[in-house]
Amino acid sequence: MSRATTLAASSEAPAIGRFDNSYARLPAGFHAAAEPARAAGPRLVKFNRELAAELGLDVAGIDDATLAAIFSGNAIPEGAEPVALAYAGHQFGHFVPQLGDGRAILLGEVVDTTGRRRDIQLKGAGPTRFSRNGDGLAAIGPVLREYLVSEAMAALGVPTTRSLAAVTTGNPVYRETRLPGAVVTRVAASHIRVGTFQYFAARSDVDAIRTLADHAIDRHYPQASEAANRYLALYEAILARQAALIARWMQLGFIHGVMNTDNMSIAGETIDYGPCAFMDEYHPAKVFSSIDRHGRYAFSNQPHIALWNLARLAECLLPLLHDDPEQAVPMAQEALGVFLPAFEAHYVDGMRPKLGLTSARDEDKALVKGLLETMAAGGADFTLTFRTLAGDAALLPQDVARSATRKLFADPAGFDAWARLWLERLALENVSAETRVALMNRANPKFIPRNHLVEELIAAAIERDDFGPFHEMLAVVTHPYDEQPGMERYAEPPQPEERVLQTFCGT
């Protein structure tokens, strides 16, 4: 008999994997038991079978109805121990001593096929002890956005949480209007945040901070356990991962939107896709989030906000770094001082292949800066500018007027001046045009989740219950570097009337 059993009236689910829930075994103050809300009519929108195989989940023979029951929270898999995690955080610079998982429930942890421990979490599955009078639910729009953007980020090579499933619940969700409810299943290296450490620091619970730090070392940074000061090594390792992560965002024109300390994973993954967006036309002060009224989390501020957040983490770890605060503070400051130089090095190194450069020269940083300034002045599209440059890489400096890229600039003369410098720099390298084009096309995506098209597919889902546009765009953006003939509309920037000026949090 198939395991494709009907679970509409049952809380039991077939075993889909071997759960080993290390976070649930931490002291009670770290989490609270949670029970998902009942979905009236769960329906599977998308299940990520490739990710399921990577996680070692056994879902062969399980039908869509059963998967919908499991990933809406109606049926709890054998071995899962649903909990909501406690954490605090600085939200737009203001400290809130208790936040926690208000609309997320950690089902448990599995050890994947490569030996990595991964969290499986339901997001939008109903209220928890930390909901603070919220309903704990998610509407279909934010669920589709998170699924789409997180999977696009993974395909782009960015460390990120992943999406395993999207399910509509059959329940309404009330925001500005009545909307279809949904749940996204998120997979993460862990859900430990800077704000998790802040939760215990706000309570002066040094023992809990030490327990959490030891757990983070065991789970994410085992090499730190061999250092003379394991907690300083932990902090330095977190700094290093964040420097690489933020550099990758900046290389792709990605804006997180809400870089609160409770939205910064200590594992170095992009987490909490709320009012996030990829830029169309480039501007360093670009902001999309409707709640970021003063530009705190603008595109160009992201490295500095990451630094600020990591300083808050240092404050939490000071008692572990040294018993004497007068010695602990300089240790943290020295470690933190490495962050911006490390970010800058990652950033410039990652920008070189985007410009077709295979060697490093001192003037490369200025070359990158010059292009971005020219793009900002000329209103050029971020993604298309870099992608089309590959077609110009074989030009001679005197032939810049034949560039395809210059058409993207309102003031082609500014681009022409920069392009001549760029072509002169390329001439210093002993690389064939064919090799350079291949390098640039591997570094510069053709397809990103364009904001206006994301809004279009969300509208189709809400207004017509039509998920075809979602599935088509997902297929396109998860192969971002391929040409994909026939899908050119997904590469095109919006017309003026299609521009999305604001994105919204799902709460």
Protein backbone atom coordinates (compact mmCIF):
# COMPACT_ATOMS: atom_id res chain seq x y z
CA MET A 1 0.00 0.00 0.00
CA SER A 2 1.33 3.48 -0.90
CA ARG A 3 2.21 5.96 1.83
CA ALA A 4 -0.01 8.43 -0.03
CA THR A 5 -2.54 8.38 2.75
CA THR A 6 -5.15 11.04 3.40
CA LEU A 7 -4.26 13.20 6.40
CA ALA A 8 -7.04 15.77 6.35
CA ALA A 9 -8.27 14.68 9.76
CA SER A 10 -5.05 13.35 11.21
CA SER A 11 -2.07 14.89 13.01
CA GLU A 12 0.15 11.94 12.16
CA ALA A 13 2.48 11.94 9.19
CA PRO A 14 4.70 9.34 7.58
CA ALA A 15 8.38 9.45 8.54
CA ILE A 16 10.12 11.62 5.93
CA GLY A 17 13.59 11.86 7.46
CA ARG A 18 15.70 11.28 10.53
CA PHE A 19 15.30 14.25 12.85
CA ASP A 20 17.99 15.06 15.42
CA ASN A 21 16.81 18.19 17.20
CA SER A 22 19.85 19.63 18.96
CA TYR A 23 18.35 23.10 19.51
CA ALA A 24 15.28 21.62 21.17
CA ARG A 25 17.63 19.95 23.65
CA LEU A 26 19.01 23.31 24.81
CA PRO A 27 17.58 24.73 28.07
CA ALA A 28 13.92 25.73 28.15
CA GLY A 29 14.66 29.45 28.01
CA PHE A 30 15.99 29.10 24.47
CA HIS A 31 12.66 28.11 22.95
CA ALA A 32 9.01 27.32 23.62
CA ALA A 33 6.91 24.41 22.43
CA ALA A 34 4.70 25.41 19.51
CA GLU A 35 1.76 23.87 17.71
CA PRO A 36 0.98 24.90 14.12
CA ALA A 37 -2.45 26.37 13.47
CA ARG A 38 -4.92 24.16 11.61
CA ALA A 39 -5.07 24.75 7.86
CA ALA A 40 -8.65 24.41 6.62
CA GLY A 41 -7.74 23.20 3.14
CA PRO A 42 -4.00 22.90 2.52
CA ARG A 43 -2.91 22.75 -1.11
CA LEU A 44 0.61 22.28 -2.39
CA VAL A 45 1.83 25.09 -4.64
CA LYS A 46 5.45 23.97 -4.95
CA PHE A 47 7.65 21.29 -3.45
CA ASN A 48 11.43 21.44 -3.95
CA ARG A 49 12.28 17.81 -4.67
CA GLU A 50 15.90 18.58 -5.49
CA LEU A 51 16.37 20.18 -2.06
CA ALA A 52 14.43 17.35 -0.40
CA ALA A 53 16.89 14.85 -1.90
CA GLU A 54 19.82 16.96 -0.66
CA LEU A 55 18.30 16.91 2.82
CA GLY A 56 17.95 13.15 2.68
CA LEU A 57 14.16 13.29 2.99
CA ASP A 58 12.27 10.20 1.85
CA VAL A 59 9.22 11.54 0.03
CA ALA A 60 8.95 8.95 -2.72
CA GLY A 61 5.35 7.78 -3.01
CA ILE A 62 3.97 10.61 -0.90
CA ASP A 63 1.26 12.44 -2.81
CA ASP A 64 0.70 16.20 -2.99
CA ALA A 65 -2.17 16.14 -0.49
CA THR A 66 0.03 14.49 2.13
CA LEU A 67 2.92 16.86 1.44
CA ALA A 68 0.48 19.78 1.78
CA ALA A 69 -0.69 18.43 5.14
CA ILE A 70 2.89 18.07 6.40
CA PHE A 71 4.15 21.43 5.19
CA SER A 72 1.10 23.38 6.31
CA GLY A 73 1.60 22.02 9.83
CA ASN A 74 -1.51 19.84 9.86
CA ALA A 75 0.57 16.68 10.12
CA ILE A 76 3.77 16.56 12.17
CA PRO A 77 6.47 14.23 10.79
CA GLU A 78 7.73 11.47 13.03
CA GLY A 79 10.71 12.71 15.04
CA ALA A 80 9.92 16.41 14.70
CA GLU A 81 9.72 18.53 17.88
CA PRO A 82 8.03 21.84 16.95
CA VAL A 83 9.40 24.83 18.87
CA ALA A 84 9.53 28.60 18.48
CA LEU A 85 12.91 30.21 19.15
CA ALA A 86 13.50 33.06 21.57
CA TYR A 87 15.51 36.08 20.49
CA ALA A 88 15.68 39.86 20.84
CA GLY A 89 16.95 42.47 18.41
CA HIS A 90 17.57 46.02 17.30
CA GLN A 91 14.80 47.00 14.89
CA PHE A 92 15.77 50.13 12.95
CA GLY A 93 18.25 50.89 15.71
CA HIS A 94 15.80 50.49 18.61
CA PHE A 95 16.34 47.57 20.95
CA VAL A 96 13.43 45.22 21.67
CA PRO A 97 14.37 42.78 24.47
CA GLN A 98 11.95 40.06 23.39
CA LEU A 99 10.98 39.22 19.82
CA GLY A 100 11.26 35.52 19.04
CA ASP A 101 9.58 33.41 16.39
CA GLY A 102 6.21 35.11 16.20
CA ARG A 103 5.14 33.40 12.98
CA ALA A 104 7.70 30.65 12.53
CA ILE A 105 7.86 27.16 13.99
CA LEU A 106 10.99 25.03 13.85
CA LEU A 107 9.89 21.49 13.04
CA GLY A 108 13.34 20.14 13.77
CA GLU A 109 16.76 19.40 12.33
CA VAL A 110 18.02 16.83 9.86
CA VAL A 111 21.56 15.92 8.90
CA ASP A 112 21.72 16.16 5.12
CA THR A 113 23.51 13.93 2.62
CA THR A 114 26.76 15.91 3.03
CA GLY A 115 26.71 15.68 6.82
CA ARG A 116 25.48 19.23 7.41
CA ARG A 117 22.85 19.88 10.04
CA ARG A 118 19.88 21.81 8.60
CA ASP A 119 16.80 23.38 10.22
CA ILE A 120 13.37 22.78 8.70
CA GLN A 121 11.00 25.57 9.70
CA LEU A 122 7.40 26.45 8.89
CA LYS A 123 6.90 30.19 8.36
CA GLY A 124 3.36 31.52 8.62
CA ALA A 125 2.02 28.49 10.49
CA GLY A 126 0.24 30.39 13.27
CA PRO A 127 0.88 32.15 16.58
CA THR A 128 3.49 31.13 19.13
CA ARG A 129 4.37 32.33 22.60
CA PHE A 130 6.40 35.10 20.95
CA SER A 131 3.72 36.46 18.60
CA ARG A 132 3.11 39.66 20.60
CA ASN A 133 -0.59 39.81 19.66
CA GLY A 134 0.15 38.99 16.01
CA ASP A 135 -1.72 36.28 14.16
CA GLY A 136 1.44 34.34 13.25
CA LEU A 137 0.18 33.83 9.71
CA ALA A 138 1.50 34.63 6.24
CA ALA A 139 -0.33 35.70 3.12
CA ILE A 140 0.42 34.13 -0.23
CA GLY A 141 2.36 37.15 -1.55
CA PRO A 142 5.25 37.10 0.96
CA VAL A 143 5.39 33.29 0.71
CA LEU A 144 5.82 33.35 -3.06
CA ARG A 145 8.34 36.19 -2.80
CA GLU A 146 10.46 34.35 -0.22
CA TYR A 147 10.36 31.09 -2.14
CA LEU A 148 11.28 32.76 -5.42
CA VAL A 149 13.99 35.13 -4.16
CA SER A 150 15.69 32.64 -1.83
CA GLU A 151 15.92 30.03 -4.58
CA ALA A 152 17.16 32.66 -7.04
CA MET A 153 19.84 33.67 -4.52
CA ALA A 154 20.93 30.05 -4.14
CA ALA A 155 21.23 29.75 -7.93
CA LEU A 156 23.29 32.96 -7.98
CA GLY A 157 25.74 31.39 -5.54
CA VAL A 158 24.77 33.49 -2.52
CA PRO A 159 24.73 31.82 0.93
CA THR A 160 21.04 31.75 1.80
CA THR A 161 18.21 29.98 3.48
CA ARG A 162 16.36 27.75 1.03
CA SER A 163 12.70 27.06 0.33
CA LEU A 164 11.43 23.50 0.54
CA ALA A 165 7.68 23.99 0.09
CA ALA A 166 4.94 26.56 -0.46
CA VAL A 167 1.42 25.65 0.59
CA THR A 168 -1.84 27.57 0.60
CA THR A 169 -3.81 26.94 3.77
CA GLY A 170 -7.41 27.61 2.78
CA ASN A 171 -7.57 30.15 5.61
CA PRO A 172 -7.90 33.90 5.08
CA VAL A 173 -5.26 36.32 6.35
CA TYR A 174 -6.19 39.90 7.12
CA ARG A 175 -3.72 42.67 6.35
CA GLU A 176 -4.91 45.79 4.50
CA THR A 177 -7.35 43.43 2.79
CA ARG A 178 -8.46 39.82 3.03
CA LEU A 179 -5.79 37.61 1.44
CA PRO A 180 -5.23 33.88 0.91
CA GLY A 181 -3.14 32.36 3.69
CA ALA A 182 0.00 30.33 2.99
CA VAL A 183 3.02 28.71 4.62
CA VAL A 184 6.57 28.56 3.31
CA THR A 185 8.93 25.87 4.60
CA ARG A 186 12.36 27.35 5.12
CA VAL A 187 15.61 25.39 5.35
CA ALA A 188 18.60 26.99 7.09
CA ALA A 189 22.00 26.06 8.45
CA SER A 190 20.41 27.27 11.68
CA HIS A 191 18.17 30.10 12.85
CA ILE A 192 20.63 31.47 15.41
CA ARG A 193 20.80 35.23 15.01
CA VAL A 194 22.73 38.13 16.47
CA GLY A 195 19.45 38.80 18.27
CA THR A 196 19.57 35.36 19.89
CA PHE A 197 22.72 36.38 21.74
CA GLN A 198 21.13 39.74 22.53
CA TYR A 199 18.16 38.00 24.16
CA PHE A 200 20.38 36.50 26.85
CA ALA A 201 22.70 39.50 27.12
CA ALA A 202 19.66 41.69 27.90
CA ARG A 203 18.99 39.35 30.83
CA SER A 204 22.64 39.35 31.96
CA ASP A 205 22.59 35.55 31.58
CA VAL A 206 26.24 34.84 30.86
CA ASP A 207 25.78 31.09 31.32
CA ALA A 208 23.14 31.07 28.56
CA ILE A 209 25.39 33.15 26.28
CA ARG A 210 28.17 30.62 26.83
CA THR A 211 25.80 27.72 26.14
CA LEU A 212 24.62 29.39 22.94
CA ALA A 213 28.19 30.18 21.83
CA ASP A 214 29.29 26.60 22.48
CA HIS A 215 26.31 25.35 20.46
CA ALA A 216 27.21 27.71 17.60
CA ILE A 217 30.82 26.52 17.64
CA ASP A 218 29.80 22.87 17.58
CA ARG A 219 27.30 23.46 14.79
CA HIS A 220 28.92 26.07 12.56
CA TYR A 221 32.52 26.76 13.51
CA PRO A 222 34.12 23.61 14.97
CA GLN A 223 37.58 24.94 14.08
CA ALA A 224 37.10 27.63 16.74
CA SER A 225 37.21 24.97 19.44
CA GLU A 226 40.91 24.45 18.71
CA ALA A 227 41.82 28.13 19.21
CA ALA A 228 43.42 29.51 22.35
CA ASN A 229 40.33 31.71 22.82
CA ARG A 230 37.42 29.77 21.31
CA TYR A 231 34.94 32.64 21.70
CA LEU A 232 37.18 35.18 20.01
CA ALA A 233 37.73 32.66 17.20
CA LEU A 234 33.95 32.25 16.93
CA TYR A 235 33.48 36.00 16.63
CA GLU A 236 36.23 36.32 14.02
CA ALA A 237 34.71 33.50 11.98
CA ILE A 238 31.27 35.11 12.05
CA LEU A 239 32.81 38.41 10.93
CA ALA A 240 34.57 36.68 8.04
CA ARG A 241 31.40 35.04 6.75
CA GLN A 242 29.41 38.23 6.99
CA ALA A 243 32.05 40.19 5.08
CA ALA A 244 31.87 37.68 2.22
CA LEU A 245 28.05 37.59 2.29
CA ILE A 246 27.49 41.35 2.17
CA ALA A 247 30.06 41.68 -0.62
CA ARG A 248 28.09 39.16 -2.65
CA TRP A 249 24.86 41.14 -2.14
CA MET A 250 26.57 44.29 -3.33
CA GLN A 251 27.96 42.58 -6.43
CA LEU A 252 24.41 41.63 -7.48
CA GLY A 253 22.51 44.81 -6.64
CA PHE A 254 20.55 43.05 -3.87
CA ILE A 255 18.90 45.05 -1.09
CA HIS A 256 17.86 43.09 1.99
CA GLY A 257 15.54 45.81 3.21
CA VAL A 258 15.42 45.04 6.95
CA MET A 259 18.90 44.38 8.33
CA ASN A 260 17.79 44.33 11.94
CA THR A 261 20.02 42.35 14.30
CA ASP A 262 17.30 39.70 14.57
CA ASN A 263 17.58 39.25 10.79
CA MET A 264 21.34 38.53 10.76
CA SER A 265 22.21 34.85 10.88
CA ILE A 266 25.44 33.97 12.64
CA ALA A 267 25.83 31.14 10.10
CA GLY A 268 26.49 33.71 7.36
CA GLU A 269 23.35 33.03 5.33
CA THR A 270 20.89 35.53 3.91
CA ILE A 271 17.78 35.16 6.05
CA ASP A 272 14.32 36.73 6.40
CA TYR A 273 13.25 37.79 2.93
CA GLY A 274 10.74 40.52 3.70
CA PRO A 275 10.79 43.79 1.74
CA CYS A 276 13.84 42.69 -0.24
CA ALA A 277 14.52 43.56 -3.87
CA PHE A 278 17.08 43.60 -6.64
CA MET A 279 17.74 47.03 -8.10
CA ASP A 280 16.70 47.88 -11.63
CA GLU A 281 18.39 51.21 -12.43
CA TYR A 282 21.41 51.68 -10.20
CA HIS A 283 21.56 54.21 -7.41
CA PRO A 284 23.61 53.76 -4.21
CA ALA A 285 20.90 55.28 -1.99
CA LYS A 286 18.17 52.99 -3.33
CA VAL A 287 15.57 51.91 -0.76
CA PHE A 288 12.54 49.72 -1.39
CA SER A 289 11.21 48.84 2.05
CA SER A 290 8.04 50.77 2.86
CA ILE A 291 9.04 50.91 6.54
CA ASP A 292 12.57 52.24 5.94
CA ARG A 293 11.57 55.90 5.84
CA HIS A 294 15.03 57.32 6.52
CA GLY A 295 17.17 55.03 4.36
CA ARG A 296 18.88 53.20 7.21
CA TYR A 297 19.03 50.03 5.12
CA ALA A 298 19.69 51.63 1.73
CA PHE A 299 21.83 49.67 -0.71
CA SER A 300 25.12 51.46 -0.03
CA ASN A 301 24.59 51.37 3.75
CA GLN A 302 24.52 47.58 3.95
CA PRO A 303 28.23 47.02 4.76
CA HIS A 304 28.10 49.67 7.49
CA ILE A 305 24.89 48.29 8.98
CA ALA A 306 26.46 44.82 9.03
CA LEU A 307 29.39 46.36 10.93
CA TRP A 308 26.96 47.99 13.39
CA ASN A 309 25.12 44.72 13.92
CA LEU A 310 28.36 42.85 14.50
CA ALA A 311 29.38 45.43 17.07
CA ARG A 312 26.18 44.56 18.94
CA LEU A 313 27.20 40.89 18.82
CA ALA A 314 30.58 41.80 20.27
CA GLU A 315 28.84 43.48 23.21
CA CYS A 316 27.08 40.18 23.95
CA LEU A 317 30.29 38.15 23.76
CA LEU A 318 32.49 40.43 25.89
CA PRO A 319 32.08 38.36 29.10
CA LEU A 320 33.28 35.31 27.19
CA LEU A 321 36.25 36.99 25.53
CA HIS A 322 37.94 37.87 28.81
CA ASP A 323 37.01 38.14 32.49
CA ASP A 324 38.41 41.68 32.52
CA PRO A 325 36.27 44.09 30.44
CA GLU A 326 39.28 46.37 29.95
CA GLN A 327 40.95 43.56 28.05
CA ALA A 328 37.82 42.16 26.39
CA VAL A 329 36.85 45.43 24.69
CA PRO A 330 40.14 45.93 22.81
CA MET A 331 40.04 42.30 21.68
CA ALA A 332 36.57 42.81 20.20
CA GLN A 333 37.53 46.14 18.65
CA GLU A 334 40.59 44.66 16.97
CA ALA A 335 38.53 41.82 15.52
CA LEU A 336 35.80 44.20 14.35
CA GLY A 337 38.38 46.45 12.71
CA VAL A 338 39.09 43.72 10.16
CA PHE A 339 35.50 43.63 8.87
CA LEU A 340 35.40 46.54 6.43
CA PRO A 341 38.82 45.78 4.87
CA ALA A 342 37.72 42.13 4.49
CA PHE A 343 34.45 43.21 2.91
CA GLU A 344 36.29 45.55 0.53
CA ALA A 345 38.69 42.80 -0.53
CA HIS A 346 35.84 40.34 -1.18
CA TYR A 347 33.89 42.99 -3.03
CA VAL A 348 36.66 44.07 -5.40
CA ASP A 349 37.75 40.46 -5.98
CA GLY A 350 34.18 39.59 -6.94
CA MET A 351 33.79 42.60 -9.21
CA ARG A 352 36.86 41.77 -11.29
CA PRO A 353 35.30 38.82 -13.16
CA LYS A 354 32.17 40.91 -13.70
CA LEU A 355 34.40 43.25 -15.69
CA GLY A 356 36.32 40.44 -17.40
CA LEU A 357 39.47 40.86 -15.31
CA THR A 358 41.52 37.81 -14.39
CA SER A 359 44.40 39.58 -12.63
CA ALA A 360 44.51 42.11 -9.82
CA ARG A 361 45.81 45.65 -10.20
CA ASP A 362 45.64 48.58 -7.81
CA GLU A 363 43.49 50.66 -10.18
CA ASP A 364 40.70 48.05 -10.31
CA LYS A 365 38.85 49.50 -7.33
CA ALA A 366 38.72 52.92 -9.02
CA LEU A 367 37.56 51.31 -12.25
CA VAL A 368 34.62 49.67 -10.46
CA LYS A 369 33.79 52.89 -8.64
CA GLY A 370 33.89 54.85 -11.88
CA LEU A 371 31.43 52.52 -13.59
CA LEU A 372 28.97 52.66 -10.69
CA GLU A 373 29.12 56.45 -10.58
CA THR A 374 28.51 56.58 -14.33
CA MET A 375 25.59 54.14 -13.98
CA ALA A 376 24.04 56.25 -11.23
CA ALA A 377 24.38 59.43 -13.30
CA GLY A 378 23.04 57.73 -16.42
CA GLY A 379 20.19 55.76 -14.83
CA ALA A 380 21.55 52.49 -16.21
CA ASP A 381 20.09 49.13 -15.25
CA PHE A 382 22.41 47.32 -12.82
CA THR A 383 22.01 43.76 -14.06
CA LEU A 384 21.82 44.53 -17.79
CA THR A 385 24.84 46.83 -17.71
CA PHE A 386 27.13 44.11 -16.44
CA ARG A 387 25.61 41.40 -18.62
CA THR A 388 25.90 43.39 -21.84
CA LEU A 389 29.49 44.44 -21.14
CA ALA A 390 30.58 40.96 -22.23
CA GLY A 391 29.58 41.87 -25.78
CA ASP A 392 31.81 44.96 -25.66
CA ALA A 393 34.92 43.28 -24.28
CA ALA A 394 36.48 42.76 -27.74
CA LEU A 395 36.14 46.41 -28.81
CA LEU A 396 39.10 48.74 -29.23
CA PRO A 397 39.07 51.98 -27.20
CA GLN A 398 38.46 54.01 -30.35
CA ASP A 399 35.39 51.89 -31.19
CA VAL A 400 33.41 52.57 -28.01
CA ALA A 401 30.62 54.23 -30.00
CA ARG A 402 29.69 50.73 -31.26
CA SER A 403 29.06 49.50 -27.70
CA ALA A 404 25.70 47.91 -27.01
CA THR A 405 25.98 48.81 -23.33
CA ARG A 406 26.07 52.57 -23.94
CA LYS A 407 22.41 52.43 -25.04
CA LEU A 408 21.48 51.78 -21.40
CA PHE A 409 22.82 55.18 -20.32
CA ALA A 410 20.90 58.44 -20.53
CA ASP A 411 24.26 60.15 -21.06
CA PRO A 412 26.35 57.87 -23.32
CA ALA A 413 29.29 60.28 -23.19
CA GLY A 414 29.89 59.42 -19.54
CA PHE A 415 29.92 55.73 -20.36
CA ASP A 416 32.22 56.29 -23.33
CA ALA A 417 34.87 57.90 -21.13
CA TRP A 418 34.73 55.03 -18.64
CA ALA A 419 34.67 52.34 -21.35
CA ARG A 420 37.89 53.59 -22.89
CA LEU A 421 39.64 53.17 -19.52
CA TRP A 422 38.12 49.72 -19.13
CA LEU A 423 39.23 48.55 -22.58
CA GLU A 424 42.74 49.84 -21.92
CA ARG A 425 42.76 47.82 -18.68
CA LEU A 426 41.59 44.68 -20.53
CA ALA A 427 44.42 45.10 -23.01
CA LEU A 428 46.90 44.52 -20.17
CA GLU A 429 45.70 40.94 -19.79
CA ASN A 430 46.69 37.94 -21.87
CA VAL A 431 43.21 36.43 -22.19
CA SER A 432 41.32 35.50 -25.35
CA ALA A 433 38.04 37.26 -26.12
CA GLU A 434 36.23 33.93 -25.99
CA THR A 435 37.58 33.14 -22.54
CA ARG A 436 36.75 36.63 -21.29
CA VAL A 437 33.15 36.49 -22.54
CA ALA A 438 32.63 33.11 -20.87
CA LEU A 439 34.10 34.46 -17.61
CA MET A 440 31.84 37.51 -17.66
CA ASN A 441 28.70 35.53 -18.45
CA ARG A 442 29.42 33.21 -15.53
CA ALA A 443 29.81 36.22 -13.23
CA ASN A 444 26.93 38.37 -14.49
CA PRO A 445 23.39 36.98 -14.38
CA LYS A 446 20.99 37.68 -17.19
CA PHE A 447 17.95 36.95 -15.03
CA ILE A 448 17.09 38.18 -11.54
CA PRO A 449 13.67 38.32 -9.83
CA ARG A 450 12.56 41.63 -11.34
CA ASN A 451 10.33 43.48 -8.89
CA HIS A 452 7.56 44.30 -11.34
CA LEU A 453 7.35 40.69 -12.49
CA VAL A 454 7.29 39.42 -8.90
CA GLU A 455 4.34 41.72 -8.21
CA GLU A 456 2.70 40.48 -11.41
CA LEU A 457 2.90 36.82 -10.39
CA ILE A 458 1.66 37.61 -6.87
CA ALA A 459 -1.35 39.41 -8.35
CA ALA A 460 -2.08 36.39 -10.57
CA ALA A 461 -2.04 34.12 -7.52
CA ILE A 462 -4.27 36.39 -5.42
CA GLU A 463 -6.72 37.52 -8.06
CA ARG A 464 -7.03 34.41 -10.25
CA ASP A 465 -5.58 31.58 -8.15
CA ASP A 466 -3.12 31.23 -11.04
CA PHE A 467 0.34 29.98 -10.09
CA GLY A 468 1.56 29.52 -13.66
CA PRO A 469 3.51 32.82 -13.67
CA PHE A 470 5.18 31.84 -10.38
CA HIS A 471 6.31 28.47 -11.73
CA GLU A 472 7.58 29.97 -14.98
CA MET A 473 9.55 32.75 -13.29
CA LEU A 474 10.97 30.31 -10.74
CA ALA A 475 12.26 28.13 -13.56
CA VAL A 476 13.89 31.15 -15.20
CA VAL A 477 15.57 32.75 -12.17
CA THR A 478 16.99 29.45 -10.91
CA HIS A 479 19.10 29.35 -14.10
CA PRO A 480 20.23 32.98 -13.95
CA TYR A 481 23.35 32.75 -16.10
CA ASP A 482 21.81 30.86 -19.05
CA GLU A 483 20.55 32.63 -22.16
CA GLN A 484 17.10 30.88 -22.17
CA PRO A 485 15.73 31.85 -25.61
CA GLY A 486 12.07 32.84 -25.48
CA MET A 487 12.33 34.15 -21.92
CA GLU A 488 13.77 37.57 -22.78
CA ARG A 489 10.92 39.45 -21.07
CA TYR A 490 12.27 38.26 -17.72
CA ALA A 491 15.56 40.05 -18.43
CA GLU A 492 14.00 43.36 -19.39
CA PRO A 493 13.81 46.25 -16.93
CA PRO A 494 10.38 47.71 -16.19
CA GLN A 495 8.76 50.41 -18.22
CA PRO A 496 8.29 53.65 -16.23
CA GLU A 497 4.68 52.77 -15.40
CA GLU A 498 5.74 49.27 -14.22
CA ARG A 499 8.36 50.37 -11.72
CA VAL A 500 7.97 49.10 -8.17
CA LEU A 501 8.94 51.82 -5.74
CA GLN A 502 8.13 50.05 -2.47
CA THR A 503 8.14 46.51 -1.13
CA PHE A 504 6.40 45.38 2.03
CA CYS A 505 6.99 43.18 5.03
CA GLY A 506 4.59 40.25 5.37
CA THR A 507 3.45 41.08 8.88
